[in-house]
Amino acid sequence: MKFKKEFLQEMEGKTIQKTIIDHSRWSVLYERVFEYGGKLYCTHYSVGATEQQDEGPYEYEPDEIECQEVKPVEKLVIVYEIIEGN
């Protein structure tokens, strides 16, 4: 589904999840899941990595941005912890 750039820039309150997925010297790339009309959608945007980089969310994107519909999926994650005393 396509959303207007201005709509995505102004709807921070409806964000379900925001995750940093990559970064460079100049930008930080985010993946954002948001709710609209009872459905969940995913989009990506970047912002300047420091106060010297003047880049806001979706700033260099077209006027309409394609967002993919997503659904929540429960996943089991295994982590490893240090054993005390070894």
PDB file of N, CA and C in Angstrom:
ATOM      1  N   MET A   1       0.856  -1.172   0.000  1.00  0.00           N
ATOM      2  CA  MET A   1       0.000   0.000   0.000  1.00  0.00           C
ATOM      3  C   MET A   1       0.901   1.234   0.000  1.00  0.00           C
ATOM      4  N   LYS A   2       0.511   2.240  -0.731  1.00  0.00           N
ATOM      5  CA  LYS A   2       1.304   3.471  -0.785  1.00  0.00           C
ATOM      6  C   LYS A   2       0.751   4.496   0.199  1.00  0.00           C
ATOM      7  N   PHE A   3       1.682   5.171   0.888  1.00  0.00           N
ATOM      8  CA  PHE A   3       1.339   6.231   1.833  1.00  0.00           C
ATOM      9  C   PHE A   3       2.071   7.498   1.418  1.00  0.00           C
ATOM     10  N   LYS A   4       1.452   8.626   1.661  1.00  0.00           N
ATOM     11  CA  LYS A   4       2.094   9.907   1.379  1.00  0.00           C
ATOM     12  C   LYS A   4       3.232  10.126   2.373  1.00  0.00           C
ATOM     13  N   LYS A   5       4.320  10.703   1.880  1.00  0.00           N
ATOM     14  CA  LYS A   5       5.499  10.956   2.704  1.00  0.00           C
ATOM     15  C   LYS A   5       5.146  11.779   3.940  1.00  0.00           C
ATOM     16  N   GLU A   6       4.350  12.820   3.780  1.00  0.00           N
ATOM     17  CA  GLU A   6       3.988  13.689   4.904  1.00  0.00           C
ATOM     18  C   GLU A   6       3.215  12.918   5.979  1.00  0.00           C
ATOM     19  N   PHE A   7       2.356  11.998   5.558  1.00  0.00           N
ATOM     20  CA  PHE A   7       1.595  11.173   6.502  1.00  0.00           C
ATOM     21  C   PHE A   7       2.543  10.337   7.360  1.00  0.00           C
ATOM     22  N   LEU A   8       3.526   9.693   6.737  1.00  0.00           N
ATOM     23  CA  LEU A   8       4.476   8.860   7.477  1.00  0.00           C
ATOM     24  C   LEU A   8       5.364   9.695   8.396  1.00  0.00           C
ATOM     25  N   GLN A   9       5.700  10.907   7.991  1.00  0.00           N
ATOM     26  CA  GLN A   9       6.543  11.764   8.822  1.00  0.00           C
ATOM     27  C   GLN A   9       5.813  12.239  10.074  1.00  0.00           C
ATOM     28  N   GLU A  10       4.490  12.348  10.024  1.00  0.00           N
ATOM     29  CA  GLU A  10       3.727  12.938  11.128  1.00  0.00           C
ATOM     30  C   GLU A  10       3.051  11.926  12.041  1.00  0.00           C
ATOM     31  N   MET A  11       3.152  10.618  11.797  1.00  0.00           N
ATOM     32  CA  MET A  11       2.368   9.650  12.568  1.00  0.00           C
ATOM     33  C   MET A  11       3.182   8.846  13.579  1.00  0.00           C
ATOM     34  N   GLU A  12       4.138   9.439  14.228  1.00  0.00           N
ATOM     35  CA  GLU A  12       5.016   8.746  15.176  1.00  0.00           C
ATOM     36  C   GLU A  12       4.246   8.016  16.274  1.00  0.00           C
ATOM     37  N   GLY A  13       3.106   8.537  16.710  1.00  0.00           N
ATOM     38  CA  GLY A  13       2.355   7.921  17.804  1.00  0.00           C
ATOM     39  C   GLY A  13       1.802   6.553  17.490  1.00  0.00           C
ATOM     40  N   LYS A  14       1.689   6.170  16.215  1.00  0.00           N
ATOM     41  CA  LYS A  14       1.134   4.882  15.832  1.00  0.00           C
ATOM     42  C   LYS A  14       2.209   3.845  15.533  1.00  0.00           C
ATOM     43  N   THR A  15       3.456   4.157  15.834  1.00  0.00           N
ATOM     44  CA  THR A  15       4.548   3.223  15.597  1.00  0.00           C
ATOM     45  C   THR A  15       4.477   2.075  16.593  1.00  0.00           C
ATOM     46  N   ILE A  16       4.518   0.839  16.094  1.00  0.00           N
ATOM     47  CA  ILE A  16       4.500  -0.359  16.926  1.00  0.00           C
ATOM     48  C   ILE A  16       5.924  -0.765  17.281  1.00  0.00           C
ATOM     49  N   GLN A  17       6.820  -0.689  16.310  1.00  0.00           N
ATOM     50  CA  GLN A  17       8.211  -1.084  16.522  1.00  0.00           C
ATOM     51  C   GLN A  17       9.114  -0.263  15.612  1.00  0.00           C
ATOM     52  N   LYS A  18      10.257   0.139  16.155  1.00  0.00           N
ATOM     53  CA  LYS A  18      11.263   0.872  15.376  1.00  0.00           C
ATOM     54  C   LYS A  18      12.615   0.254  15.699  1.00  0.00           C
ATOM     55  N   THR A  19      13.318  -0.247  14.677  1.00  0.00           N
ATOM     56  CA  THR A  19      14.560  -0.973  14.871  1.00  0.00           C
ATOM     57  C   THR A  19      15.640  -0.410  13.956  1.00  0.00           C
ATOM     58  N   ILE A  20      16.836  -0.204  14.497  1.00  0.00           N
ATOM     59  CA  ILE A  20      17.981   0.166  13.664  1.00  0.00           C
ATOM     60  C   ILE A  20      18.421  -1.091  12.926  1.00  0.00           C
ATOM     61  N   ILE A  21      18.474  -1.020  11.594  1.00  0.00           N
ATOM     62  CA  ILE A  21      18.872  -2.194  10.822  1.00  0.00           C
ATOM     63  C   ILE A  21      20.208  -2.012  10.111  1.00  0.00           C
ATOM     64  N   ASP A  22      20.700  -0.784  10.029  1.00  0.00           N
ATOM     65  CA  ASP A  22      21.993  -0.538   9.395  1.00  0.00           C
ATOM     66  C   ASP A  22      22.433   0.888   9.714  1.00  0.00           C
ATOM     67  N   HIS A  23      23.700   1.155   9.504  1.00  0.00           N
ATOM     68  CA  HIS A  23      24.203   2.520   9.685  1.00  0.00           C
ATOM     69  C   HIS A  23      25.443   2.710   8.826  1.00  0.00           C
ATOM     70  N   SER A  24      25.692   3.943   8.518  1.00  0.00           N
ATOM     71  CA  SER A  24      26.900   4.315   7.788  1.00  0.00           C
ATOM     72  C   SER A  24      27.519   5.493   8.527  1.00  0.00           C
ATOM     73  N   ARG A  25      28.544   6.034   7.966  1.00  0.00           N
ATOM     74  CA  ARG A  25      29.179   7.193   8.592  1.00  0.00           C
ATOM     75  C   ARG A  25      28.210   8.364   8.695  1.00  0.00           C
ATOM     76  N   TRP A  26      27.292   8.482   7.724  1.00  0.00           N
ATOM     77  CA  TRP A  26      26.436   9.656   7.648  1.00  0.00           C
ATOM     78  C   TRP A  26      24.979   9.416   8.048  1.00  0.00           C
ATOM     79  N   SER A  27      24.489   8.179   7.971  1.00  0.00           N
ATOM     80  CA  SER A  27      23.060   7.921   8.193  1.00  0.00           C
ATOM     81  C   SER A  27      22.823   6.680   9.044  1.00  0.00           C
ATOM     82  N   VAL A  28      21.666   6.650   9.698  1.00  0.00           N
ATOM     83  CA  VAL A  28      21.186   5.481  10.433  1.00  0.00           C
ATOM     84  C   VAL A  28      19.900   5.031   9.744  1.00  0.00           C
ATOM     85  N   LEU A  29      19.837   3.740   9.356  1.00  0.00           N
ATOM     86  CA  LEU A  29      18.682   3.193   8.654  1.00  0.00           C
ATOM     87  C   LEU A  29      17.784   2.455   9.642  1.00  0.00           C
ATOM     88  N   TYR A  30      16.499   2.810   9.634  1.00  0.00           N
ATOM     89  CA  TYR A  30      15.516   2.218  10.532  1.00  0.00           C
ATOM     90  C   TYR A  30      14.494   1.401   9.758  1.00  0.00           C
ATOM     91  N   GLU A  31      13.983   0.352  10.417  1.00  0.00           N
ATOM     92  CA  GLU A  31      12.793  -0.361   9.959  1.00  0.00           C
ATOM     93  C   GLU A  31      11.688  -0.006  10.939  1.00  0.00           C
ATOM     94  N   ARG A  32      10.545   0.363  10.422  1.00  0.00           N
ATOM     95  CA  ARG A  32       9.443   0.823  11.263  1.00  0.00           C
ATOM     96  C   ARG A  32       8.181   0.034  10.931  1.00  0.00           C
ATOM     97  N   VAL A  33       7.530  -0.507  11.970  1.00  0.00           N
ATOM     98  CA  VAL A  33       6.235  -1.169  11.826  1.00  0.00           C
ATOM     99  C   VAL A  33       5.205  -0.254  12.465  1.00  0.00           C
ATOM    100  N   PHE A  34       4.135   0.030  11.722  1.00  0.00           N
ATOM    101  CA  PHE A  34       3.103   0.921  12.237  1.00  0.00           C
ATOM    102  C   PHE A  34       1.725   0.359  11.929  1.00  0.00           C
ATOM    103  N   GLU A  35       0.730   0.839  12.686  1.00  0.00           N
ATOM    104  CA  GLU A  35      -0.655   0.402  12.518  1.00  0.00           C
ATOM    105  C   GLU A  35      -1.429   1.466  11.772  1.00  0.00           C
ATOM    106  N   TYR A  36      -2.242   1.009  10.808  1.00  0.00           N
ATOM    107  CA  TYR A  36      -3.126   1.921  10.084  1.00  0.00           C
ATOM    108  C   TYR A  36      -4.354   1.133   9.650  1.00  0.00           C
ATOM    109  N   GLY A  37      -5.513   1.593  10.041  1.00  0.00           N
ATOM    110  CA  GLY A  37      -6.760   0.954   9.637  1.00  0.00           C
ATOM    111  C   GLY A  37      -6.892  -0.481  10.104  1.00  0.00           C
ATOM    112  N   GLY A  38      -6.336  -0.798  11.270  1.00  0.00           N
ATOM    113  CA  GLY A  38      -6.420  -2.149  11.807  1.00  0.00           C
ATOM    114  C   GLY A  38      -5.415  -3.124  11.213  1.00  0.00           C
ATOM    115  N   LYS A  39      -4.528  -2.649  10.342  1.00  0.00           N
ATOM    116  CA  LYS A  39      -3.502  -3.496   9.736  1.00  0.00           C
ATOM    117  C   LYS A  39      -2.127  -2.963  10.107  1.00  0.00           C
ATOM    118  N   LEU A  40      -1.117  -3.827   9.990  1.00  0.00           N
ATOM    119  CA  LEU A  40       0.265  -3.454  10.282  1.00  0.00           C
ATOM    120  C   LEU A  40       1.047  -3.347   8.978  1.00  0.00           C
ATOM    121  N   TYR A  41       1.894  -2.329   8.901  1.00  0.00           N
ATOM    122  CA  TYR A  41       2.707  -2.092   7.709  1.00  0.00           C
ATOM    123  C   TYR A  41       4.159  -1.852   8.120  1.00  0.00           C
ATOM    124  N   CYS A  42       5.077  -2.157   7.202  1.00  0.00           N
ATOM    125  CA  CYS A  42       6.507  -1.977   7.439  1.00  0.00           C
ATOM    126  C   CYS A  42       7.070  -1.003   6.411  1.00  0.00           C
ATOM    127  N   THR A  43       7.941  -0.133   6.873  1.00  0.00           N
ATOM    128  CA  THR A  43       8.618   0.821   6.002  1.00  0.00           C
ATOM    129  C   THR A  43      10.048   1.010   6.497  1.00  0.00           C
ATOM    130  N   HIS A  44      10.881   1.602   5.669  1.00  0.00           N
ATOM    131  CA  HIS A  44      12.271   1.887   6.024  1.00  0.00           C
ATOM    132  C   HIS A  44      12.547   3.364   5.769  1.00  0.00           C
ATOM    133  N   TYR A  45      13.389   3.939   6.616  1.00  0.00           N
ATOM    134  CA  TYR A  45      13.793   5.332   6.422  1.00  0.00           C
ATOM    135  C   TYR A  45      15.148   5.550   7.070  1.00  0.00           C
ATOM    136  N   SER A  46      15.800   6.632   6.708  1.00  0.00           N
ATOM    137  CA  SER A  46      17.089   6.952   7.314  1.00  0.00           C
ATOM    138  C   SER A  46      17.066   8.367   7.865  1.00  0.00           C
ATOM    139  N   VAL A  47      17.922   8.586   8.852  1.00  0.00           N
ATOM    140  CA  VAL A  47      18.104   9.909   9.448  1.00  0.00           C
ATOM    141  C   VAL A  47      19.605  10.154   9.583  1.00  0.00           C
ATOM    142  N   GLY A  48      19.979  11.406   9.715  1.00  0.00           N
ATOM    143  CA  GLY A  48      21.383  11.754   9.880  1.00  0.00           C
ATOM    144  C   GLY A  48      21.971  11.121  11.129  1.00  0.00           C
ATOM    145  N   ALA A  49      23.208  10.636  11.025  1.00  0.00           N
ATOM    146  CA  ALA A  49      23.852   9.947  12.137  1.00  0.00           C
ATOM    147  C   ALA A  49      24.337  10.901  13.228  1.00  0.00           C
ATOM    148  N   THR A  50      24.563  12.162  12.891  1.00  0.00           N
ATOM    149  CA  THR A  50      24.983  13.149  13.883  1.00  0.00           C
ATOM    150  C   THR A  50      24.204  14.434  13.660  1.00  0.00           C
ATOM    151  N   GLU A  51      24.368  15.357  14.569  1.00  0.00           N
ATOM    152  CA  GLU A  51      23.669  16.637  14.430  1.00  0.00           C
ATOM    153  C   GLU A  51      24.175  17.432  13.222  1.00  0.00           C
ATOM    154  N   GLN A  52      25.326  17.039  12.682  1.00  0.00           N
ATOM    155  CA  GLN A  52      25.876  17.719  11.503  1.00  0.00           C
ATOM    156  C   GLN A  52      25.231  17.250  10.192  1.00  0.00           C
ATOM    157  N   GLN A  53      24.580  16.067  10.206  1.00  0.00           N
ATOM    158  CA  GLN A  53      23.920  15.545   9.013  1.00  0.00           C
ATOM    159  C   GLN A  53      22.454  15.957   9.052  1.00  0.00           C
ATOM    160  N   ASP A  54      22.070  16.812   8.150  1.00  0.00           N
ATOM    161  CA  ASP A  54      20.710  17.349   8.112  1.00  0.00           C
ATOM    162  C   ASP A  54      19.840  16.446   7.237  1.00  0.00           C
ATOM    163  N   GLU A  55      19.392  15.312   7.821  1.00  0.00           N
ATOM    164  CA  GLU A  55      18.567  14.352   7.090  1.00  0.00           C
ATOM    165  C   GLU A  55      17.448  13.878   8.005  1.00  0.00           C
ATOM    166  N   GLY A  56      16.205  14.142   7.619  1.00  0.00           N
ATOM    167  CA  GLY A  56      15.055  13.709   8.392  1.00  0.00           C
ATOM    168  C   GLY A  56      14.430  12.464   7.796  1.00  0.00           C
ATOM    169  N   PRO A  57      13.515  11.817   8.536  1.00  0.00           N
ATOM    170  CA  PRO A  57      12.852  10.616   8.028  1.00  0.00           C
ATOM    171  C   PRO A  57      12.171  10.866   6.683  1.00  0.00           C
ATOM    172  N   TYR A  58      12.430   9.983   5.743  1.00  0.00           N
ATOM    173  CA  TYR A  58      11.815   9.994   4.406  1.00  0.00           C
ATOM    174  C   TYR A  58      12.173  11.236   3.581  1.00  0.00           C
ATOM    175  N   GLU A  59      13.151  12.007   4.004  1.00  0.00           N
ATOM    176  CA  GLU A  59      13.473  13.270   3.333  1.00  0.00           C
ATOM    177  C   GLU A  59      13.803  13.095   1.851  1.00  0.00           C
ATOM    178  N   TYR A  60      14.527  12.049   1.511  1.00  0.00           N
ATOM    179  CA  TYR A  60      14.946  11.859   0.120  1.00  0.00           C
ATOM    180  C   TYR A  60      14.108  10.805  -0.601  1.00  0.00           C
ATOM    181  N   GLU A  61      12.940  10.492  -0.060  1.00  0.00           N
ATOM    182  CA  GLU A  61      12.029   9.514  -0.669  1.00  0.00           C
ATOM    183  C   GLU A  61      11.035  10.223  -1.586  1.00  0.00           C
ATOM    184  N   PRO A  62      10.386   9.472  -2.488  1.00  0.00           N
ATOM    185  CA  PRO A  62       9.356  10.089  -3.343  1.00  0.00           C
ATOM    186  C   PRO A  62       8.138  10.513  -2.523  1.00  0.00           C
ATOM    187  N   ASP A  63       7.209  11.229  -3.139  1.00  0.00           N
ATOM    188  CA  ASP A  63       6.025  11.727  -2.430  1.00  0.00           C
ATOM    189  C   ASP A  63       5.121  10.610  -1.923  1.00  0.00           C
ATOM    190  N   GLU A  64       5.107   9.452  -2.601  1.00  0.00           N
ATOM    191  CA  GLU A  64       4.352   8.289  -2.141  1.00  0.00           C
ATOM    192  C   GLU A  64       5.327   7.148  -1.902  1.00  0.00           C
ATOM    193  N   ILE A  65       5.189   6.494  -0.738  1.00  0.00           N
ATOM    194  CA  ILE A  65       6.126   5.455  -0.323  1.00  0.00           C
ATOM    195  C   ILE A  65       5.374   4.144  -0.185  1.00  0.00           C
ATOM    196  N   GLU A  66       5.880   3.096  -0.835  1.00  0.00           N
ATOM    197  CA  GLU A  66       5.277   1.768  -0.772  1.00  0.00           C
ATOM    198  C   GLU A  66       5.639   1.119   0.563  1.00  0.00           C
ATOM    199  N   CYS A  67       4.617   0.669   1.306  1.00  0.00           N
ATOM    200  CA  CYS A  67       4.811  -0.020   2.576  1.00  0.00           C
ATOM    201  C   CYS A  67       4.193  -1.410   2.467  1.00  0.00           C
ATOM    202  N   GLN A  68       4.879  -2.401   2.976  1.00  0.00           N
ATOM    203  CA  GLN A  68       4.411  -3.780   2.904  1.00  0.00           C
ATOM    204  C   GLN A  68       3.565  -4.114   4.127  1.00  0.00           C
ATOM    205  N   GLU A  69       2.446  -4.822   3.917  1.00  0.00           N
ATOM    206  CA  GLU A  69       1.640  -5.286   5.050  1.00  0.00           C
ATOM    207  C   GLU A  69       2.395  -6.421   5.734  1.00  0.00           C
ATOM    208  N   VAL A  70       2.405  -6.403   7.062  1.00  0.00           N
ATOM    209  CA  VAL A  70       3.108  -7.418   7.852  1.00  0.00           C
ATOM    210  C   VAL A  70       2.181  -7.967   8.921  1.00  0.00           C
ATOM    211  N   LYS A  71       2.605  -9.063   9.551  1.00  0.00           N
ATOM    212  CA  LYS A  71       1.855  -9.650  10.657  1.00  0.00           C
ATOM    213  C   LYS A  71       2.846 -10.043  11.744  1.00  0.00           C
ATOM    214  N   PRO A  72       2.408 -10.053  13.002  1.00  0.00           N
ATOM    215  CA  PRO A  72       3.307 -10.478  14.073  1.00  0.00           C
ATOM    216  C   PRO A  72       3.502 -11.991  14.026  1.00  0.00           C
ATOM    217  N   VAL A  73       4.732 -12.431  14.254  1.00  0.00           N
ATOM    218  CA  VAL A  73       5.072 -13.847  14.291  1.00  0.00           C
ATOM    219  C   VAL A  73       5.910 -14.078  15.536  1.00  0.00           C
ATOM    220  N   GLU A  74       5.508 -15.030  16.354  1.00  0.00           N
ATOM    221  CA  GLU A  74       6.261 -15.358  17.557  1.00  0.00           C
ATOM    222  C   GLU A  74       7.420 -16.262  17.176  1.00  0.00           C
ATOM    223  N   LYS A  75       8.643 -15.941  17.687  1.00  0.00           N
ATOM    224  CA  LYS A  75       9.830 -16.737  17.395  1.00  0.00           C
ATOM    225  C   LYS A  75      10.543 -17.078  18.694  1.00  0.00           C
ATOM    226  N   LEU A  76      11.132 -18.263  18.740  1.00  0.00           N
ATOM    227  CA  LEU A  76      11.923 -18.702  19.876  1.00  0.00           C
ATOM    228  C   LEU A  76      13.373 -18.330  19.608  1.00  0.00           C
ATOM    229  N   VAL A  77      14.005 -17.663  20.575  1.00  0.00           N
ATOM    230  CA  VAL A  77      15.390 -17.233  20.423  1.00  0.00           C
ATOM    231  C   VAL A  77      16.236 -17.893  21.501  1.00  0.00           C
ATOM    232  N   ILE A  78      17.362 -18.484  21.116  1.00  0.00           N
ATOM    233  CA  ILE A  78      18.289 -19.093  22.067  1.00  0.00           C
ATOM    234  C   ILE A  78      19.459 -18.138  22.259  1.00  0.00           C
ATOM    235  N   VAL A  79      19.772 -17.839  23.523  1.00  0.00           N
ATOM    236  CA  VAL A  79      20.924 -17.010  23.865  1.00  0.00           C
ATOM    237  C   VAL A  79      21.843 -17.823  24.763  1.00  0.00           C
ATOM    238  N   TYR A  80      23.088 -17.418  24.879  1.00  0.00           N
ATOM    239  CA  TYR A  80      24.065 -18.125  25.690  1.00  0.00           C
ATOM    240  C   TYR A  80      24.562 -17.196  26.785  1.00  0.00           C
ATOM    241  N   GLU A  81      24.568 -17.719  28.022  1.00  0.00           N
ATOM    242  CA  GLU A  81      25.002 -16.940  29.177  1.00  0.00           C
ATOM    243  C   GLU A  81      26.224 -17.595  29.802  1.00  0.00           C
ATOM    244  N   ILE A  82      27.067 -16.781  30.404  1.00  0.00           N
ATOM    245  CA  ILE A  82      28.279 -17.263  31.063  1.00  0.00           C
ATOM    246  C   ILE A  82      27.900 -18.031  32.318  1.00  0.00           C
ATOM    247  N   ILE A  83      28.560 -19.182  32.529  1.00  0.00           N
ATOM    248  CA  ILE A  83      28.344 -19.981  33.734  1.00  0.00           C
ATOM    249  C   ILE A  83      29.275 -19.437  34.807  1.00  0.00           C
ATOM    250  N   GLU A  84      28.702 -19.010  35.918  1.00  0.00           N
ATOM    251  CA  GLU A  84      29.497 -18.453  37.015  1.00  0.00           C
ATOM    252  C   GLU A  84      30.366 -19.543  37.644  1.00  0.00           C
ATOM    253  N   GLY A  85      31.601 -19.197  37.987  1.00  0.00           N
ATOM    254  CA  GLY A  85      32.494 -20.114  38.680  1.00  0.00           C
ATOM    255  C   GLY A  85      33.397 -20.909  37.757  1.00  0.00           C
ATOM    256  N   ASN A  86      33.331 -20.698  36.478  1.00  0.00           N
ATOM    257  CA  ASN A  86      34.214 -21.431  35.551  1.00  0.00           C
ATOM    258  C   ASN A  86      35.343 -20.560  35.082  1.00  0.00           C
TER     259      ASN A  86
END
